[in-house]
Amino acid sequence: MIPYYKTIFQGKLDFGTENTYDKVVKMTVHRLETYYKNDTIIHEEHFDGEQFSLIIPRTVGQLTDKIYRNSVDLIQYLAQFALSGQVGCWMVENNVILDYTSVEPKSDKMVVRNFRKGKKLSLLEGKEEDAIKNLSKAIKKYNKHSQAYERRGHVNMILKSYEDAMYDYSKAIRLDSNNADALVGRARLFIKQNELEKAIADLDQATKKSIALQSTYWIARRLKGECHFKLKQYKQAEFDLRLFTRRKFEEGDINFMWRKHCFFQYGLVLMELGEYEKALDAIDKSLNIEKGHSPIPMADQLVNRGLARQKSGSKGFLSDWKEAADLGSKVAEELLQDN
């Protein structure tokens, strides 16, 4: 029996001009009929003549390895004619990723070369100006390049050019409403401006436009939970943070180092909801994670674990407060006096 696997495809490729688009459509129809025998997920209806693009909405199915490989191969073939875009392809079995391929244009076209260089430089500290220079060249040559606007927005935010970053992220979203990275980037700007409701709206869209196999999805989920927490919307915050803390992240994942912080914040949310035993468990897990991003001082974490222990009827809260007091916590000193 031929095995079938869960597969997910999502993304788009932009060909820029009507001439190129028409040629690509004709070549695709020919290859589908003569080479692939239509054993792919790609069909003629995936082409959009108004945008001159190949658009693959989120497509989840059960495919054989052959059909999956054929589909990836065809998308990679078409990408050489594109100016911008990105398509994600996943093959999964029992929540284990068997294959992941991210397809982007990699041709010698100047738009593609400028973008790829700018994207690479955008990840390097001290190369921000060079990154913007190359990304701006890509945008000048093709002003519908959503990914280039998103990357330039990212660099502008690093440079604290927040007005420019807002323009770039918003432009990226207008060009491609499925650009989850741009939605997360703009949400970060809204958070800096304390416009939390706007940030939540963007982050909610980001979770819908990405999938749980992507780091971007979990970044959006974490930030959304934090925004709800700041707004004292504890039930909504509990939902987002519960999902995040239950997720298993690999060490190389950008979200891995946020587990410590999120377990602690999840504990605070549970405290507000009166679920003290669960809160104690979450804060315990946070304190047991040695490395991680955590802007909360250790003394404050110990104070709150002590409160969770006290309210859940567990022992050890005085020890937590004594340790916190030794670290300089005035709150811990007051709690010890009261108790």
Protein backbone atom coordinates (compact mmCIF):
# COMPACT_ATOMS: atom_id res chain seq x y z
CA MET A 1 0.00 0.00 0.00
CA ILE A 2 1.36 3.43 -0.96
CA PRO A 3 1.70 5.60 2.20
CA TYR A 4 0.04 9.00 2.41
CA TYR A 5 1.36 11.92 4.45
CA LYS A 6 -0.13 15.10 5.78
CA THR A 7 1.08 17.99 3.62
CA ILE A 8 0.70 21.74 3.82
CA PHE A 9 1.37 24.30 1.08
CA GLN A 10 0.99 28.06 1.43
CA GLY A 11 2.34 31.17 -0.29
CA LYS A 12 2.64 33.08 -3.55
CA LEU A 13 5.09 33.95 -6.30
CA ASP A 14 4.91 37.29 -8.13
CA PHE A 15 6.07 37.40 -11.75
CA GLY A 16 5.93 41.16 -12.17
CA THR A 17 4.85 41.63 -15.77
CA GLU A 18 2.07 40.34 -17.97
CA ASN A 19 4.54 39.03 -20.51
CA THR A 20 6.43 36.90 -17.99
CA TYR A 21 3.19 35.80 -16.35
CA ASP A 22 1.68 34.60 -19.63
CA LYS A 23 4.82 32.62 -20.47
CA VAL A 24 4.84 31.00 -17.02
CA VAL A 25 1.19 29.96 -17.27
CA LYS A 26 1.75 28.37 -20.68
CA MET A 27 4.87 26.52 -19.48
CA THR A 28 3.02 25.30 -16.39
CA VAL A 29 0.07 23.93 -18.35
CA HIS A 30 2.50 22.14 -20.68
CA ARG A 31 4.54 20.65 -17.82
CA LEU A 32 1.42 19.58 -15.93
CA GLU A 33 0.15 17.64 -18.94
CA THR A 34 3.37 16.18 -20.31
CA TYR A 35 5.80 15.93 -17.40
CA TYR A 36 3.84 15.65 -14.15
CA LYS A 37 0.69 14.05 -15.60
CA ASN A 38 -1.23 16.38 -13.26
CA ASP A 39 0.21 14.61 -10.18
CA THR A 40 0.75 17.87 -8.28
CA ILE A 41 -1.32 20.17 -6.09
CA ILE A 42 -0.71 22.99 -8.59
CA HIS A 43 -3.51 23.69 -11.08
CA GLU A 44 -4.19 26.43 -13.60
CA GLU A 45 -6.70 28.08 -11.24
CA HIS A 46 -3.86 28.91 -8.84
CA PHE A 47 -2.74 31.66 -11.23
CA ASP A 48 -4.06 35.21 -10.76
CA GLY A 49 -3.99 37.27 -13.96
CA GLU A 50 -4.69 40.55 -12.16
CA GLN A 51 -1.72 40.25 -9.82
CA PHE A 52 0.48 38.29 -12.29
CA SER A 53 1.03 35.78 -9.51
CA LEU A 54 0.85 32.14 -8.52
CA ILE A 55 -1.23 32.11 -5.34
CA ILE A 56 -1.45 28.98 -3.19
CA PRO A 57 -3.87 29.46 -0.30
CA ARG A 58 -3.26 27.25 2.71
CA THR A 59 -3.72 23.78 1.27
CA VAL A 60 -3.78 20.86 3.71
CA GLY A 61 -4.15 17.33 2.41
CA GLN A 62 -3.02 13.72 2.41
CA LEU A 63 -0.58 13.09 -0.44
CA THR A 64 1.85 10.44 -1.55
CA ASP A 65 5.54 11.25 -1.43
CA LYS A 66 5.57 11.40 -5.24
CA ILE A 67 2.82 14.02 -5.51
CA TYR A 68 4.41 16.08 -2.73
CA ARG A 69 7.83 15.99 -4.44
CA ASN A 70 6.30 16.81 -7.81
CA SER A 71 4.55 19.82 -6.31
CA VAL A 72 7.70 21.14 -4.63
CA ASP A 73 9.69 20.56 -7.82
CA LEU A 74 7.18 22.50 -9.92
CA ILE A 75 7.03 25.40 -7.46
CA GLN A 76 10.84 25.58 -7.45
CA TYR A 77 10.85 25.57 -11.24
CA LEU A 78 8.36 28.46 -11.37
CA ALA A 79 10.27 30.44 -8.73
CA GLN A 80 13.15 31.05 -11.17
CA PHE A 81 10.83 33.29 -13.20
CA ALA A 82 9.45 35.22 -10.19
CA LEU A 83 10.57 38.60 -8.84
CA SER A 84 9.29 38.11 -5.30
CA GLY A 85 7.29 35.86 -3.05
CA GLN A 86 7.71 32.77 -0.91
CA VAL A 87 5.98 29.39 -0.71
CA GLY A 88 6.21 27.07 2.28
CA CYS A 89 5.90 23.30 1.75
CA TRP A 90 5.61 20.82 4.62
CA MET A 91 5.30 17.05 4.88
CA VAL A 92 4.29 15.88 8.36
CA GLU A 93 3.63 12.57 10.09
CA ASN A 94 2.47 12.33 13.73
CA ASN A 95 3.45 15.98 14.29
CA VAL A 96 7.00 15.27 13.10
CA ILE A 97 8.20 17.32 10.13
CA LEU A 98 9.51 14.89 7.53
CA ASP A 99 10.30 17.61 5.02
CA TYR A 100 10.20 21.40 4.91
CA THR A 101 11.04 23.42 1.83
CA SER A 102 10.85 27.20 1.62
CA VAL A 103 10.78 28.27 -2.01
CA GLU A 104 11.89 31.79 -2.94
CA PRO A 105 13.16 33.34 -6.18
CA LYS A 106 16.91 32.75 -6.59
CA SER A 107 17.60 33.99 -10.10
CA ASP A 108 20.17 36.49 -11.38
CA LYS A 109 17.52 39.18 -11.86
CA MET A 110 18.63 42.40 -10.15
CA VAL A 111 15.46 42.62 -8.05
CA VAL A 112 16.08 39.13 -6.69
CA ARG A 113 19.80 39.73 -6.13
CA ASN A 114 19.24 43.03 -4.32
CA PHE A 115 16.56 41.53 -2.10
CA ARG A 116 18.54 38.42 -1.19
CA LYS A 117 21.60 40.49 -0.32
CA GLY A 118 19.53 42.95 1.69
CA LYS A 119 17.75 40.15 3.52
CA LYS A 120 21.08 38.56 4.46
CA LEU A 121 22.50 41.88 5.65
CA SER A 122 19.34 42.61 7.68
CA LEU A 123 20.33 39.77 10.01
CA LEU A 124 23.84 41.10 10.64
CA GLU A 125 24.57 43.63 13.37
CA GLY A 126 26.24 46.76 12.04
CA LYS A 127 25.09 46.18 8.46
CA GLU A 128 21.79 48.00 8.75
CA GLU A 129 22.58 50.83 6.33
CA ASP A 130 23.85 48.41 3.70
CA ALA A 131 20.74 46.28 4.18
CA ILE A 132 18.45 49.27 3.63
CA LYS A 133 20.42 50.30 0.55
CA ASN A 134 19.96 46.90 -1.11
CA LEU A 135 16.34 46.48 -0.04
CA SER A 136 15.52 49.95 -1.35
CA LYS A 137 17.10 49.03 -4.70
CA ALA A 138 14.86 45.95 -4.87
CA ILE A 139 11.80 48.05 -4.07
CA LYS A 140 12.74 50.68 -6.67
CA LYS A 141 12.98 48.01 -9.35
CA TYR A 142 9.78 46.26 -8.23
CA ASN A 143 7.57 48.34 -5.93
CA LYS A 144 5.19 45.47 -5.16
CA HIS A 145 7.84 43.50 -3.26
CA SER A 146 6.09 42.75 0.04
CA GLN A 147 9.04 40.83 1.51
CA ALA A 148 11.46 43.67 0.75
CA TYR A 149 9.22 46.17 2.53
CA GLU A 150 8.95 43.82 5.53
CA ARG A 151 12.72 43.40 5.77
CA ARG A 152 13.31 47.14 5.42
CA GLY A 153 10.73 47.72 8.14
CA HIS A 154 12.63 45.29 10.36
CA VAL A 155 15.89 47.17 9.83
CA ASN A 156 14.23 50.57 10.33
CA MET A 157 12.87 49.36 13.64
CA ILE A 158 16.37 48.28 14.72
CA LEU A 159 17.56 51.78 13.81
CA LYS A 160 14.62 53.23 15.81
CA SER A 161 13.27 54.89 12.67
CA TYR A 162 9.79 53.99 13.81
CA GLU A 163 7.85 56.16 11.37
CA ASP A 164 9.70 54.63 8.42
CA ALA A 165 9.24 51.16 9.88
CA MET A 166 5.48 51.72 10.22
CA TYR A 167 5.29 52.79 6.57
CA ASP A 168 7.24 49.73 5.41
CA TYR A 169 5.30 47.19 7.46
CA SER A 170 1.95 48.69 6.44
CA LYS A 171 3.00 48.71 2.78
CA ALA A 172 4.10 45.07 3.03
CA ILE A 173 0.70 44.12 4.47
CA ARG A 174 -1.21 46.05 1.79
CA LEU A 175 0.75 44.24 -0.91
CA ASP A 176 0.31 40.82 0.71
CA SER A 177 -2.24 40.44 3.49
CA ASN A 178 -0.77 36.99 4.22
CA ASN A 179 2.64 38.42 5.18
CA ALA A 180 2.63 37.25 8.80
CA ASP A 181 6.14 38.58 9.49
CA ALA A 182 5.01 42.09 8.54
CA LEU A 183 1.95 41.77 10.78
CA VAL A 184 4.13 40.78 13.72
CA GLY A 185 6.57 43.61 12.95
CA ARG A 186 3.82 46.23 12.89
CA ALA A 187 2.36 44.77 16.08
CA ARG A 188 5.71 45.29 17.81
CA LEU A 189 5.57 48.94 16.79
CA PHE A 190 2.04 49.26 18.17
CA ILE A 191 3.26 47.71 21.44
CA LYS A 192 6.04 50.32 21.64
CA GLN A 193 3.38 53.01 21.16
CA ASN A 194 1.20 51.33 23.82
CA GLU A 195 -1.56 50.80 21.24
CA LEU A 196 -2.20 47.30 22.50
CA GLU A 197 -5.61 46.76 20.91
CA LYS A 198 -4.13 47.49 17.47
CA ALA A 199 -1.24 45.16 18.25
CA ILE A 200 -3.65 42.38 19.23
CA ALA A 201 -5.56 42.81 15.96
CA ASP A 202 -2.36 42.39 13.92
CA LEU A 203 -1.14 39.47 16.03
CA ASP A 204 -4.48 37.73 15.70
CA GLN A 205 -4.19 38.02 11.92
CA ALA A 206 -0.60 36.77 12.08
CA THR A 207 -1.73 33.57 13.82
CA LYS A 208 -4.31 33.07 11.09
CA LYS A 209 -1.91 33.77 8.23
CA SER A 210 0.86 31.49 9.57
CA ILE A 211 0.75 27.89 10.76
CA ALA A 212 1.84 26.24 14.01
CA LEU A 213 4.87 24.73 12.27
CA GLN A 214 6.35 28.24 11.86
CA SER A 215 8.24 30.22 14.49
CA THR A 216 6.33 33.34 13.45
CA TYR A 217 3.06 31.77 14.62
CA TRP A 218 4.42 31.28 18.14
CA ILE A 219 6.02 34.72 18.30
CA ALA A 220 2.59 36.17 17.50
CA ARG A 221 0.90 33.92 20.04
CA ARG A 222 3.35 34.95 22.80
CA LEU A 223 3.12 38.67 22.09
CA LYS A 224 -0.67 38.48 21.90
CA GLY A 225 -0.80 36.83 25.31
CA GLU A 226 1.42 39.55 26.77
CA CYS A 227 -0.79 42.28 25.33
CA HIS A 228 -3.92 40.70 26.81
CA PHE A 229 -2.11 40.45 30.16
CA LYS A 230 -1.19 44.14 30.13
CA LEU A 231 -4.83 44.98 29.36
CA LYS A 232 -5.95 42.71 32.24
CA GLN A 233 -7.79 40.50 29.77
CA TYR A 234 -6.77 37.44 31.73
CA LYS A 235 -8.94 34.78 30.09
CA GLN A 236 -7.66 35.71 26.63
CA ALA A 237 -4.09 35.86 27.95
CA GLU A 238 -4.50 32.42 29.56
CA PHE A 239 -5.50 30.90 26.22
CA ASP A 240 -2.50 32.25 24.29
CA LEU A 241 0.06 31.55 27.02
CA ARG A 242 -1.29 28.06 27.68
CA LEU A 243 -0.81 27.17 24.02
CA PHE A 244 2.72 28.61 24.05
CA THR A 245 3.82 26.85 27.25
CA ARG A 246 2.52 23.49 26.01
CA ARG A 247 4.51 23.72 22.80
CA LYS A 248 7.81 21.81 22.56
CA PHE A 249 10.46 24.06 20.98
CA GLU A 250 13.81 22.94 19.64
CA GLU A 251 16.84 24.78 21.01
CA GLY A 252 17.47 26.44 17.67
CA ASP A 253 13.97 27.94 17.59
CA ILE A 254 13.80 31.64 18.44
CA ASN A 255 10.93 30.86 20.83
CA PHE A 256 13.00 28.42 22.92
CA MET A 257 14.58 31.18 25.03
CA TRP A 258 11.17 32.69 25.83
CA ARG A 259 9.85 29.62 27.66
CA LYS A 260 11.13 30.82 31.05
CA HIS A 261 9.42 34.19 30.73
CA CYS A 262 6.16 32.76 29.40
CA PHE A 263 5.81 30.12 32.10
CA PHE A 264 6.19 32.85 34.72
CA GLN A 265 3.73 35.15 33.00
CA TYR A 266 1.32 32.25 32.58
CA GLY A 267 1.61 31.69 36.33
CA LEU A 268 0.71 35.33 37.01
CA VAL A 269 -2.34 35.04 34.75
CA LEU A 270 -3.49 31.90 36.55
CA MET A 271 -3.07 33.71 39.88
CA GLU A 272 -5.39 36.44 38.64
CA LEU A 273 -7.91 33.76 37.63
CA GLY A 274 -7.69 32.14 41.07
CA GLU A 275 -6.14 28.90 39.80
CA TYR A 276 -3.38 28.85 42.39
CA GLU A 277 -2.20 25.24 42.08
CA LYS A 278 -1.78 25.60 38.31
CA ALA A 279 -0.08 28.95 38.89
CA LEU A 280 2.39 27.33 41.27
CA ASP A 281 3.18 24.63 38.72
CA ALA A 282 3.78 27.23 35.98
CA ILE A 283 6.03 29.42 38.13
CA ASP A 284 7.94 26.34 39.31
CA LYS A 285 8.60 25.38 35.69
CA SER A 286 9.80 28.90 34.97
CA LEU A 287 12.27 28.85 37.86
CA ASN A 288 13.52 25.40 36.84
CA ILE A 289 14.49 26.65 33.36
CA GLU A 290 18.06 27.85 33.73
CA LYS A 291 18.48 29.92 30.58
CA GLY A 292 15.99 32.23 28.95
CA HIS A 293 14.86 35.74 28.28
CA SER A 294 13.26 37.02 31.46
CA PRO A 295 12.99 40.73 32.25
CA ILE A 296 11.47 39.83 35.64
CA PRO A 297 14.02 39.88 38.52
CA MET A 298 14.55 36.59 40.37
CA ALA A 299 13.35 38.19 43.60
CA ASP A 300 9.98 39.03 42.05
CA GLN A 301 9.64 35.50 40.75
CA LEU A 302 10.29 34.08 44.21
CA VAL A 303 7.78 36.49 45.76
CA ASN A 304 5.09 35.33 43.38
CA ARG A 305 5.91 31.65 43.81
CA GLY A 306 5.59 32.20 47.54
CA LEU A 307 2.17 33.79 47.04
CA ALA A 308 1.08 30.90 44.82
CA ARG A 309 2.25 28.42 47.46
CA GLN A 310 0.47 30.27 50.22
CA LYS A 311 -2.82 30.61 48.35
CA SER A 312 -2.77 27.01 47.14
CA GLY A 313 -2.14 25.76 50.69
CA SER A 314 1.37 24.51 49.91
CA LYS A 315 4.42 24.74 52.14
CA GLY A 316 7.59 26.67 51.39
CA PHE A 317 6.24 30.17 50.86
CA LEU A 318 8.21 31.60 53.78
CA SER A 319 11.42 30.14 52.36
CA ASP A 320 10.68 31.79 49.00
CA TRP A 321 10.08 35.15 50.65
CA LYS A 322 13.22 34.88 52.78
CA GLU A 323 15.30 34.15 49.69
CA ALA A 324 13.63 37.06 47.88
CA ALA A 325 14.29 39.36 50.84
CA ASP A 326 17.96 38.36 50.79
CA LEU A 327 17.97 39.45 47.13
CA GLY A 328 16.71 42.88 48.16
CA SER A 329 12.94 42.57 47.73
CA LYS A 330 11.04 45.07 49.92
CA VAL A 331 7.78 43.29 49.07
CA ALA A 332 9.20 40.05 50.46
CA GLU A 333 10.25 41.80 53.66
CA GLU A 334 6.71 43.15 54.12
CA LEU A 335 5.20 39.72 53.48
CA LEU A 336 7.50 38.17 56.07
CA GLN A 337 6.52 40.79 58.62
CA ASP A 338 2.81 40.25 57.95
CA ASN A 339 3.21 36.50 58.30
